[in-house]
Amino acid sequence: MGLNLFRIVSASLPQLLILLYLGGRFDFIFGFNRTDYGFTILLFLFVLIPLINSSWLLVEITLSIRLARNRREPISFFMPGVALLFFVESLLVDIFLLSQARM
């Protein structure tokens, strides 16, 4: 139960950052992104999402190795692949947001 919740949160956080950006861009969140609180949330998610997704990737790699060692079966790359996909997505979203920043 706990690991599935962690997976759901880790997979949905990059989409939340995308929605926050698009909501601010098209003014769907009524100027929330221009407030101090909105900017703080954006920075918090900007830093937190890659950290959470990298920890999810490490957990999935560790679990797949443990399960393969205990069952004597080949290593499954499905869940580490999904975690890697979301980790790369979070990095790409961060790079995109950095490219949109105006000095």
PDB file of N, CA and C in Angstrom:
ATOM      1  N   MET A   1       0.817  -1.196   0.000  1.00  0.00           N
ATOM      2  CA  MET A   1       0.000   0.000   0.000  1.00  0.00           C
ATOM      3  C   MET A   1       0.860   1.259   0.000  1.00  0.00           C
ATOM      4  N   GLY A   2       1.890   1.299   0.822  1.00  0.00           N
ATOM      5  CA  GLY A   2       2.735   2.471   0.934  1.00  0.00           C
ATOM      6  C   GLY A   2       3.552   2.718  -0.320  1.00  0.00           C
ATOM      7  N   LEU A   3       4.061   1.633  -0.919  1.00  0.00           N
ATOM      8  CA  LEU A   3       4.858   1.781  -2.128  1.00  0.00           C
ATOM      9  C   LEU A   3       3.991   2.217  -3.304  1.00  0.00           C
ATOM     10  N   ASN A   4       2.779   1.704  -3.382  1.00  0.00           N
ATOM     11  CA  ASN A   4       1.886   2.123  -4.462  1.00  0.00           C
ATOM     12  C   ASN A   4       1.511   3.596  -4.338  1.00  0.00           C
ATOM     13  N   LEU A   5       1.296   4.070  -3.120  1.00  0.00           N
ATOM     14  CA  LEU A   5       1.014   5.485  -2.908  1.00  0.00           C
ATOM     15  C   LEU A   5       2.209   6.345  -3.300  1.00  0.00           C
ATOM     16  N   PHE A   6       3.405   5.884  -2.949  1.00  0.00           N
ATOM     17  CA  PHE A   6       4.628   6.590  -3.338  1.00  0.00           C
ATOM     18  C   PHE A   6       4.769   6.640  -4.854  1.00  0.00           C
ATOM     19  N   ARG A   7       4.432   5.551  -5.527  1.00  0.00           N
ATOM     20  CA  ARG A   7       4.479   5.516  -6.994  1.00  0.00           C
ATOM     21  C   ARG A   7       3.485   6.500  -7.600  1.00  0.00           C
ATOM     22  N   ILE A   8       2.275   6.548  -7.053  1.00  0.00           N
ATOM     23  CA  ILE A   8       1.251   7.453  -7.580  1.00  0.00           C
ATOM     24  C   ILE A   8       1.664   8.907  -7.383  1.00  0.00           C
ATOM     25  N   VAL A   9       2.173   9.232  -6.212  1.00  0.00           N
ATOM     26  CA  VAL A   9       2.606  10.606  -5.931  1.00  0.00           C
ATOM     27  C   VAL A   9       3.783  10.984  -6.824  1.00  0.00           C
ATOM     28  N   SER A  10       4.735  10.075  -6.969  1.00  0.00           N
ATOM     29  CA  SER A  10       5.903  10.360  -7.802  1.00  0.00           C
ATOM     30  C   SER A  10       5.541  10.531  -9.267  1.00  0.00           C
ATOM     31  N   ALA A  11       4.549   9.801  -9.726  1.00  0.00           N
ATOM     32  CA  ALA A  11       4.144   9.904 -11.129  1.00  0.00           C
ATOM     33  C   ALA A  11       3.271  11.131 -11.380  1.00  0.00           C
ATOM     34  N   SER A  12       2.539  11.573 -10.383  1.00  0.00           N
ATOM     35  CA  SER A  12       1.622  12.696 -10.605  1.00  0.00           C
ATOM     36  C   SER A  12       2.266  14.062 -10.355  1.00  0.00           C
ATOM     37  N   LEU A  13       3.354  14.130  -9.635  1.00  0.00           N
ATOM     38  CA  LEU A  13       3.976  15.428  -9.359  1.00  0.00           C
ATOM     39  C   LEU A  13       4.511  16.142 -10.602  1.00  0.00           C
ATOM     40  N   PRO A  14       5.153  15.462 -11.553  1.00  0.00           N
ATOM     41  CA  PRO A  14       5.563  16.206 -12.760  1.00  0.00           C
ATOM     42  C   PRO A  14       4.372  16.773 -13.534  1.00  0.00           C
ATOM     43  N   GLN A  15       3.257  16.058 -13.536  1.00  0.00           N
ATOM     44  CA  GLN A  15       2.073  16.577 -14.215  1.00  0.00           C
ATOM     45  C   GLN A  15       1.512  17.789 -13.476  1.00  0.00           C
ATOM     46  N   LEU A  16       1.643  17.817 -12.161  1.00  0.00           N
ATOM     47  CA  LEU A  16       1.207  18.972 -11.388  1.00  0.00           C
ATOM     48  C   LEU A  16       2.035  20.204 -11.736  1.00  0.00           C
ATOM     49  N   LEU A  17       3.328  20.016 -11.926  1.00  0.00           N
ATOM     50  CA  LEU A  17       4.185  21.133 -12.308  1.00  0.00           C
ATOM     51  C   LEU A  17       3.836  21.628 -13.715  1.00  0.00           C
ATOM     52  N   ILE A  18       3.527  20.706 -14.624  1.00  0.00           N
ATOM     53  CA  ILE A  18       3.109  21.095 -15.972  1.00  0.00           C
ATOM     54  C   ILE A  18       1.789  21.858 -15.909  1.00  0.00           C
ATOM     55  N   LEU A  19       0.854  21.375 -15.103  1.00  0.00           N
ATOM     56  CA  LEU A  19      -0.432  22.068 -14.969  1.00  0.00           C
ATOM     57  C   LEU A  19      -0.273  23.449 -14.341  1.00  0.00           C
ATOM     58  N   LEU A  20       0.632  23.576 -13.386  1.00  0.00           N
ATOM     59  CA  LEU A  20       0.888  24.882 -12.775  1.00  0.00           C
ATOM     60  C   LEU A  20       1.457  25.851 -13.807  1.00  0.00           C
ATOM     61  N   TYR A  21       2.358  25.365 -14.640  1.00  0.00           N
ATOM     62  CA  TYR A  21       2.916  26.231 -15.681  1.00  0.00           C
ATOM     63  C   TYR A  21       1.843  26.621 -16.705  1.00  0.00           C
ATOM     64  N   LEU A  22       1.102  25.637 -17.199  1.00  0.00           N
ATOM     65  CA  LEU A  22       0.085  25.933 -18.208  1.00  0.00           C
ATOM     66  C   LEU A  22      -1.044  26.789 -17.642  1.00  0.00           C
ATOM     67  N   GLY A  23      -1.403  26.554 -16.391  1.00  0.00           N
ATOM     68  CA  GLY A  23      -2.427  27.369 -15.753  1.00  0.00           C
ATOM     69  C   GLY A  23      -2.001  28.814 -15.611  1.00  0.00           C
ATOM     70  N   GLY A  24      -0.738  29.040 -15.321  1.00  0.00           N
ATOM     71  CA  GLY A  24      -0.233  30.403 -15.242  1.00  0.00           C
ATOM     72  C   GLY A  24      -0.067  31.040 -16.607  1.00  0.00           C
ATOM     73  N   ARG A  25       0.302  30.238 -17.567  1.00  0.00           N
ATOM     74  CA  ARG A  25       0.515  30.770 -18.923  1.00  0.00           C
ATOM     75  C   ARG A  25      -0.785  31.231 -19.568  1.00  0.00           C
ATOM     76  N   PHE A  26      -1.830  30.442 -19.399  1.00  0.00           N
ATOM     77  CA  PHE A  26      -3.120  30.777 -20.006  1.00  0.00           C
ATOM     78  C   PHE A  26      -4.102  31.386 -19.005  1.00  0.00           C
ATOM     79  N   ASP A  27      -3.606  31.764 -17.828  1.00  0.00           N
ATOM     80  CA  ASP A  27      -4.369  32.444 -16.784  1.00  0.00           C
ATOM     81  C   ASP A  27      -5.590  31.634 -16.327  1.00  0.00           C
ATOM     82  N   PHE A  28      -5.412  30.332 -16.190  1.00  0.00           N
ATOM     83  CA  PHE A  28      -6.477  29.484 -15.662  1.00  0.00           C
ATOM     84  C   PHE A  28      -6.505  29.485 -14.134  1.00  0.00           C
ATOM     85  N   ILE A  29      -5.420  29.918 -13.517  1.00  0.00           N
ATOM     86  CA  ILE A  29      -5.360  29.927 -12.057  1.00  0.00           C
ATOM     87  C   ILE A  29      -5.457  31.351 -11.510  1.00  0.00           C
ATOM     88  N   PHE A  30      -5.934  32.264 -12.332  1.00  0.00           N
ATOM     89  CA  PHE A  30      -6.293  33.631 -11.947  1.00  0.00           C
ATOM     90  C   PHE A  30      -5.160  34.390 -11.264  1.00  0.00           C
ATOM     91  N   GLY A  31      -3.976  34.330 -11.835  1.00  0.00           N
ATOM     92  CA  GLY A  31      -2.853  35.107 -11.333  1.00  0.00           C
ATOM     93  C   GLY A  31      -2.181  34.532 -10.110  1.00  0.00           C
ATOM     94  N   PHE A  32      -2.489  33.285  -9.744  1.00  0.00           N
ATOM     95  CA  PHE A  32      -1.869  32.677  -8.567  1.00  0.00           C
ATOM     96  C   PHE A  32      -0.363  32.546  -8.749  1.00  0.00           C
ATOM     97  N   ASN A  33       0.082  32.331  -9.972  1.00  0.00           N
ATOM     98  CA  ASN A  33       1.512  32.169 -10.220  1.00  0.00           C
ATOM     99  C   ASN A  33       2.283  33.463 -10.011  1.00  0.00           C
ATOM    100  N   ARG A  34       1.611  34.592 -10.000  1.00  0.00           N
ATOM    101  CA  ARG A  34       2.284  35.877  -9.813  1.00  0.00           C
ATOM    102  C   ARG A  34       2.385  36.293  -8.356  1.00  0.00           C
ATOM    103  N   THR A  35       1.807  35.532  -7.470  1.00  0.00           N
ATOM    104  CA  THR A  35       1.898  35.836  -6.042  1.00  0.00           C
ATOM    105  C   THR A  35       3.178  35.225  -5.473  1.00  0.00           C
ATOM    106  N   ASP A  36       3.552  35.673  -4.274  1.00  0.00           N
ATOM    107  CA  ASP A  36       4.727  35.107  -3.618  1.00  0.00           C
ATOM    108  C   ASP A  36       4.514  33.631  -3.298  1.00  0.00           C
ATOM    109  N   TYR A  37       3.306  33.291  -2.877  1.00  0.00           N
ATOM    110  CA  TYR A  37       3.008  31.905  -2.531  1.00  0.00           C
ATOM    111  C   TYR A  37       3.062  31.001  -3.761  1.00  0.00           C
ATOM    112  N   GLY A  38       2.560  31.475  -4.879  1.00  0.00           N
ATOM    113  CA  GLY A  38       2.593  30.703  -6.112  1.00  0.00           C
ATOM    114  C   GLY A  38       4.015  30.461  -6.589  1.00  0.00           C
ATOM    115  N   PHE A  39       4.860  31.489  -6.488  1.00  0.00           N
ATOM    116  CA  PHE A  39       6.253  31.338  -6.881  1.00  0.00           C
ATOM    117  C   PHE A  39       6.986  30.393  -5.936  1.00  0.00           C
ATOM    118  N   THR A  40       6.654  30.448  -4.653  1.00  0.00           N
ATOM    119  CA  THR A  40       7.265  29.537  -3.687  1.00  0.00           C
ATOM    120  C   THR A  40       6.893  28.092  -3.989  1.00  0.00           C
ATOM    121  N   ILE A  41       5.640  27.850  -4.317  1.00  0.00           N
ATOM    122  CA  ILE A  41       5.213  26.495  -4.678  1.00  0.00           C
ATOM    123  C   ILE A  41       5.919  26.033  -5.948  1.00  0.00           C
ATOM    124  N   LEU A  42       6.061  26.930  -6.916  1.00  0.00           N
ATOM    125  CA  LEU A  42       6.751  26.575  -8.149  1.00  0.00           C
ATOM    126  C   LEU A  42       8.204  26.194  -7.879  1.00  0.00           C
ATOM    127  N   LEU A  43       8.900  26.962  -7.071  1.00  0.00           N
ATOM    128  CA  LEU A  43      10.283  26.635  -6.730  1.00  0.00           C
ATOM    129  C   LEU A  43      10.387  25.348  -5.918  1.00  0.00           C
ATOM    130  N   PHE A  44       9.451  25.165  -4.990  1.00  0.00           N
ATOM    131  CA  PHE A  44       9.431  23.953  -4.177  1.00  0.00           C
ATOM    132  C   PHE A  44       9.255  22.716  -5.053  1.00  0.00           C
ATOM    133  N   LEU A  45       8.306  22.768  -5.980  1.00  0.00           N
ATOM    134  CA  LEU A  45       8.088  21.640  -6.886  1.00  0.00           C
ATOM    135  C   LEU A  45       9.253  21.468  -7.845  1.00  0.00           C
ATOM    136  N   PHE A  46       9.852  22.562  -8.269  1.00  0.00           N
ATOM    137  CA  PHE A  46      10.985  22.523  -9.183  1.00  0.00           C
ATOM    138  C   PHE A  46      12.143  21.730  -8.589  1.00  0.00           C
ATOM    139  N   VAL A  47      12.387  21.891  -7.303  1.00  0.00           N
ATOM    140  CA  VAL A  47      13.484  21.194  -6.634  1.00  0.00           C
ATOM    141  C   VAL A  47      13.052  19.805  -6.162  1.00  0.00           C
ATOM    142  N   LEU A  48      11.847  19.691  -5.653  1.00  0.00           N
ATOM    143  CA  LEU A  48      11.399  18.457  -5.011  1.00  0.00           C
ATOM    144  C   LEU A  48      11.114  17.327  -5.992  1.00  0.00           C
ATOM    145  N   ILE A  49      10.552  17.627  -7.141  1.00  0.00           N
ATOM    146  CA  ILE A  49      10.111  16.573  -8.062  1.00  0.00           C
ATOM    147  C   ILE A  49      11.270  15.715  -8.577  1.00  0.00           C
ATOM    148  N   PRO A  50      12.385  16.281  -9.039  1.00  0.00           N
ATOM    149  CA  PRO A  50      13.483  15.393  -9.447  1.00  0.00           C
ATOM    150  C   PRO A  50      14.055  14.561  -8.298  1.00  0.00           C
ATOM    151  N   LEU A  51      14.067  15.124  -7.098  1.00  0.00           N
ATOM    152  CA  LEU A  51      14.558  14.358  -5.946  1.00  0.00           C
ATOM    153  C   LEU A  51      13.650  13.174  -5.630  1.00  0.00           C
ATOM    154  N   ILE A  52      12.351  13.399  -5.661  1.00  0.00           N
ATOM    155  CA  ILE A  52      11.407  12.315  -5.382  1.00  0.00           C
ATOM    156  C   ILE A  52      11.472  11.252  -6.473  1.00  0.00           C
ATOM    157  N   ASN A  53      11.549  11.688  -7.732  1.00  0.00           N
ATOM    158  CA  ASN A  53      11.599  10.720  -8.823  1.00  0.00           C
ATOM    159  C   ASN A  53      12.912   9.955  -8.856  1.00  0.00           C
ATOM    160  N   SER A  54      14.004  10.576  -8.474  1.00  0.00           N
ATOM    161  CA  SER A  54      15.265   9.833  -8.410  1.00  0.00           C
ATOM    162  C   SER A  54      15.249   8.822  -7.267  1.00  0.00           C
ATOM    163  N   SER A  55      14.624   9.169  -6.156  1.00  0.00           N
ATOM    164  CA  SER A  55      14.505   8.191  -5.071  1.00  0.00           C
ATOM    165  C   SER A  55      13.579   7.054  -5.465  1.00  0.00           C
ATOM    166  N   TRP A  56      12.518   7.347  -6.227  1.00  0.00           N
ATOM    167  CA  TRP A  56      11.641   6.286  -6.731  1.00  0.00           C
ATOM    168  C   TRP A  56      12.412   5.363  -7.674  1.00  0.00           C
ATOM    169  N   LEU A  57      13.253   5.928  -8.510  1.00  0.00           N
ATOM    170  CA  LEU A  57      14.063   5.119  -9.418  1.00  0.00           C
ATOM    171  C   LEU A  57      15.007   4.211  -8.639  1.00  0.00           C
ATOM    172  N   LEU A  58      15.641   4.734  -7.611  1.00  0.00           N
ATOM    173  CA  LEU A  58      16.536   3.910  -6.789  1.00  0.00           C
ATOM    174  C   LEU A  58      15.784   2.805  -6.061  1.00  0.00           C
ATOM    175  N   VAL A  59      14.589   3.112  -5.556  1.00  0.00           N
ATOM    176  CA  VAL A  59      13.778   2.098  -4.871  1.00  0.00           C
ATOM    177  C   VAL A  59      13.378   0.993  -5.841  1.00  0.00           C
ATOM    178  N   GLU A  60      12.970   1.357  -7.035  1.00  0.00           N
ATOM    179  CA  GLU A  60      12.555   0.346  -8.018  1.00  0.00           C
ATOM    180  C   GLU A  60      13.722  -0.526  -8.464  1.00  0.00           C
ATOM    181  N   ILE A  61      14.892   0.063  -8.644  1.00  0.00           N
ATOM    182  CA  ILE A  61      16.066  -0.733  -9.004  1.00  0.00           C
ATOM    183  C   ILE A  61      16.421  -1.693  -7.887  1.00  0.00           C
ATOM    184  N   THR A  62      16.393  -1.204  -6.656  1.00  0.00           N
ATOM    185  CA  THR A  62      16.700  -2.057  -5.506  1.00  0.00           C
ATOM    186  C   THR A  62      15.690  -3.195  -5.367  1.00  0.00           C
ATOM    187  N   LEU A  63      14.402  -2.888  -5.533  1.00  0.00           N
ATOM    188  CA  LEU A  63      13.384  -3.931  -5.424  1.00  0.00           C
ATOM    189  C   LEU A  63      13.511  -4.971  -6.520  1.00  0.00           C
ATOM    190  N   SER A  64      13.787  -4.560  -7.737  1.00  0.00           N
ATOM    191  CA  SER A  64      13.896  -5.539  -8.814  1.00  0.00           C
ATOM    192  C   SER A  64      15.111  -6.434  -8.630  1.00  0.00           C
ATOM    193  N   ILE A  65      16.203  -5.885  -8.123  1.00  0.00           N
ATOM    194  CA  ILE A  65      17.386  -6.711  -7.862  1.00  0.00           C
ATOM    195  C   ILE A  65      17.120  -7.682  -6.724  1.00  0.00           C
ATOM    196  N   ARG A  66      16.465  -7.210  -5.660  1.00  0.00           N
ATOM    197  CA  ARG A  66      16.142  -8.096  -4.539  1.00  0.00           C
ATOM    198  C   ARG A  66      15.213  -9.227  -4.955  1.00  0.00           C
ATOM    199  N   LEU A  67      14.177  -8.892  -5.716  1.00  0.00           N
ATOM    200  CA  LEU A  67      13.246  -9.921  -6.156  1.00  0.00           C
ATOM    201  C   LEU A  67      13.919 -10.923  -7.081  1.00  0.00           C
ATOM    202  N   ALA A  68      14.798 -10.475  -7.932  1.00  0.00           N
ATOM    203  CA  ALA A  68      15.507 -11.396  -8.823  1.00  0.00           C
ATOM    204  C   ALA A  68      16.468 -12.283  -8.043  1.00  0.00           C
ATOM    205  N   ARG A  69      17.064 -11.746  -7.010  1.00  0.00           N
ATOM    206  CA  ARG A  69      17.994 -12.530  -6.208  1.00  0.00           C
ATOM    207  C   ARG A  69      17.245 -13.577  -5.377  1.00  0.00           C
ATOM    208  N   ASN A  70      16.092 -13.230  -4.836  1.00  0.00           N
ATOM    209  CA  ASN A  70      15.336 -14.162  -3.995  1.00  0.00           C
ATOM    210  C   ASN A  70      14.624 -15.235  -4.804  1.00  0.00           C
ATOM    211  N   ARG A  71      14.120 -14.899  -5.979  1.00  0.00           N
ATOM    212  CA  ARG A  71      13.346 -15.848  -6.778  1.00  0.00           C
ATOM    213  C   ARG A  71      14.179 -16.589  -7.814  1.00  0.00           C
ATOM    214  N   ARG A  72      15.382 -16.173  -8.013  1.00  0.00           N
ATOM    215  CA  ARG A  72      16.259 -16.753  -9.025  1.00  0.00           C
ATOM    216  C   ARG A  72      15.658 -16.638 -10.423  1.00  0.00           C
ATOM    217  N   GLU A  73      15.007 -15.508 -10.656  1.00  0.00           N
ATOM    218  CA  GLU A  73      14.421 -15.230 -11.959  1.00  0.00           C
ATOM    219  C   GLU A  73      15.176 -14.067 -12.587  1.00  0.00           C
ATOM    220  N   PRO A  74      14.994 -13.862 -13.877  1.00  0.00           N
ATOM    221  CA  PRO A  74      15.644 -12.696 -14.493  1.00  0.00           C
ATOM    222  C   PRO A  74      15.086 -11.381 -13.939  1.00  0.00           C
ATOM    223  N   ILE A  75      15.886 -10.364 -14.013  1.00  0.00           N
ATOM    224  CA  ILE A  75      15.499  -9.053 -13.491  1.00  0.00           C
ATOM    225  C   ILE A  75      14.436  -8.446 -14.399  1.00  0.00           C
ATOM    226  N   SER A  76      13.378  -7.945 -13.789  1.00  0.00           N
ATOM    227  CA  SER A  76      12.329  -7.257 -14.535  1.00  0.00           C
ATOM    228  C   SER A  76      12.690  -5.779 -14.647  1.00  0.00           C
ATOM    229  N   PHE A  77      12.649  -5.267 -15.863  1.00  0.00           N
ATOM    230  CA  PHE A  77      12.989  -3.872 -16.096  1.00  0.00           C
ATOM    231  C   PHE A  77      11.766  -2.989 -16.283  1.00  0.00           C
ATOM    232  N   PHE A  78      10.566  -3.518 -16.056  1.00  0.00           N
ATOM    233  CA  PHE A  78       9.367  -2.741 -16.327  1.00  0.00           C
ATOM    234  C   PHE A  78       9.211  -1.568 -15.353  1.00  0.00           C
ATOM    235  N   MET A  79       9.145  -1.836 -14.060  1.00  0.00           N
ATOM    236  CA  MET A  79       8.942  -0.750 -13.098  1.00  0.00           C
ATOM    237  C   MET A  79      10.146   0.183 -12.997  1.00  0.00           C
ATOM    238  N   PRO A  80      11.407  -0.317 -13.047  1.00  0.00           N
ATOM    239  CA  PRO A  80      12.509   0.650 -13.123  1.00  0.00           C
ATOM    240  C   PRO A  80      12.462   1.489 -14.405  1.00  0.00           C
ATOM    241  N   GLY A  81      11.961   0.912 -15.486  1.00  0.00           N
ATOM    242  CA  GLY A  81      11.812   1.669 -16.725  1.00  0.00           C
ATOM    243  C   GLY A  81      10.763   2.758 -16.598  1.00  0.00           C
ATOM    244  N   VAL A  82       9.654   2.444 -15.929  1.00  0.00           N
ATOM    245  CA  VAL A  82       8.610   3.446 -15.703  1.00  0.00           C
ATOM    246  C   VAL A  82       9.147   4.565 -14.811  1.00  0.00           C
ATOM    247  N   ALA A  83       9.874   4.186 -13.771  1.00  0.00           N
ATOM    248  CA  ALA A  83      10.461   5.194 -12.880  1.00  0.00           C
ATOM    249  C   ALA A  83      11.489   6.050 -13.625  1.00  0.00           C
ATOM    250  N   LEU A  84      12.264   5.424 -14.504  1.00  0.00           N
ATOM    251  CA  LEU A  84      13.231   6.178 -15.297  1.00  0.00           C
ATOM    252  C   LEU A  84      12.522   7.130 -16.248  1.00  0.00           C
ATOM    253  N   LEU A  85      11.426   6.701 -16.829  1.00  0.00           N
ATOM    254  CA  LEU A  85      10.646   7.554 -17.723  1.00  0.00           C
ATOM    255  C   LEU A  85      10.154   8.806 -16.997  1.00  0.00           C
ATOM    256  N   PHE A  86       9.616   8.636 -15.791  1.00  0.00           N
ATOM    257  CA  PHE A  86       9.127   9.789 -15.039  1.00  0.00           C
ATOM    258  C   PHE A  86      10.274  10.659 -14.522  1.00  0.00           C
ATOM    259  N   PHE A  87      11.423  10.062 -14.235  1.00  0.00           N
ATOM    260  CA  PHE A  87      12.578  10.850 -13.820  1.00  0.00           C
ATOM    261  C   PHE A  87      13.064  11.728 -14.970  1.00  0.00           C
ATOM    262  N   VAL A  88      13.144  11.154 -16.162  1.00  0.00           N
ATOM    263  CA  VAL A  88      13.557  11.927 -17.331  1.00  0.00           C
ATOM    264  C   VAL A  88      12.524  13.008 -17.633  1.00  0.00           C
ATOM    265  N   GLU A  89      11.237  12.674 -17.465  1.00  0.00           N
ATOM    266  CA  GLU A  89      10.194  13.680 -17.668  1.00  0.00           C
ATOM    267  C   GLU A  89      10.353  14.842 -16.704  1.00  0.00           C
ATOM    268  N   SER A  90      10.640  14.541 -15.444  1.00  0.00           N
ATOM    269  CA  SER A  90      10.796  15.625 -14.465  1.00  0.00           C
ATOM    270  C   SER A  90      12.004  16.491 -14.790  1.00  0.00           C
ATOM    271  N   LEU A  91      13.079  15.886 -15.269  1.00  0.00           N
ATOM    272  CA  LEU A  91      14.242  16.682 -15.660  1.00  0.00           C
ATOM    273  C   LEU A  91      13.938  17.542 -16.883  1.00  0.00           C
ATOM    274  N   LEU A  92      13.206  16.989 -17.844  1.00  0.00           N
ATOM    275  CA  LEU A  92      12.861  17.762 -19.035  1.00  0.00           C
ATOM    276  C   LEU A  92      11.912  18.914 -18.711  1.00  0.00           C
ATOM    277  N   VAL A  93      10.986  18.689 -17.798  1.00  0.00           N
ATOM    278  CA  VAL A  93      10.086  19.774 -17.384  1.00  0.00           C
ATOM    279  C   VAL A  93      10.879  20.872 -16.685  1.00  0.00           C
ATOM    280  N   ASP A  94      11.835  20.489 -15.841  1.00  0.00           N
ATOM    281  CA  ASP A  94      12.668  21.489 -15.172  1.00  0.00           C
ATOM    282  C   ASP A  94      13.508  22.271 -16.179  1.00  0.00           C
ATOM    283  N   ILE A  95      14.068  21.578 -17.155  1.00  0.00           N
ATOM    284  CA  ILE A  95      14.853  22.270 -18.184  1.00  0.00           C
ATOM    285  C   ILE A  95      13.968  23.218 -18.981  1.00  0.00           C
ATOM    286  N   PHE A  96      12.763  22.774 -19.288  1.00  0.00           N
ATOM    287  CA  PHE A  96      11.830  23.644 -20.021  1.00  0.00           C
ATOM    288  C   PHE A  96      11.481  24.878 -19.202  1.00  0.00           C
ATOM    289  N   LEU A  97      11.215  24.698 -17.917  1.00  0.00           N
ATOM    290  CA  LEU A  97      10.877  25.845 -17.076  1.00  0.00           C
ATOM    291  C   LEU A  97      12.068  26.796 -16.938  1.00  0.00           C
ATOM    292  N   LEU A  98      13.274  26.251 -16.892  1.00  0.00           N
ATOM    293  CA  LEU A  98      14.461  27.113 -16.853  1.00  0.00           C
ATOM    294  C   LEU A  98      14.607  27.896 -18.150  1.00  0.00           C
ATOM    295  N   SER A  99      14.223  27.284 -19.254  1.00  0.00           N
ATOM    296  CA  SER A  99      14.339  27.994 -20.523  1.00  0.00           C
ATOM    297  C   SER A  99      13.303  29.109 -20.640  1.00  0.00           C
ATOM    298  N   GLN A 100      12.207  29.025 -19.875  1.00  0.00           N
ATOM    299  CA  GLN A 100      11.166  30.034 -19.907  1.00  0.00           C
ATOM    300  C   GLN A 100      11.427  31.191 -18.935  1.00  0.00           C
ATOM    301  N   ALA A 101      12.411  31.025 -18.062  1.00  0.00           N
ATOM    302  CA  ALA A 101      12.696  32.060 -17.053  1.00  0.00           C
ATOM    303  C   ALA A 101      13.333  33.270 -17.740  1.00  0.00           C
ATOM    304  N   ARG A 102      12.902  34.404 -17.323  1.00  0.00           N
ATOM    305  CA  ARG A 102      13.448  35.654 -17.850  1.00  0.00           C
ATOM    306  C   ARG A 102      14.256  36.312 -16.751  1.00  0.00           C
ATOM    307  N   MET A 103      15.434  36.712 -17.089  1.00  0.00           N
ATOM    308  CA  MET A 103      16.306  37.332 -16.088  1.00  0.00           C
ATOM    309  C   MET A 103      15.955  38.789 -15.910  1.00  0.00           C
TER     310      MET A 103
END
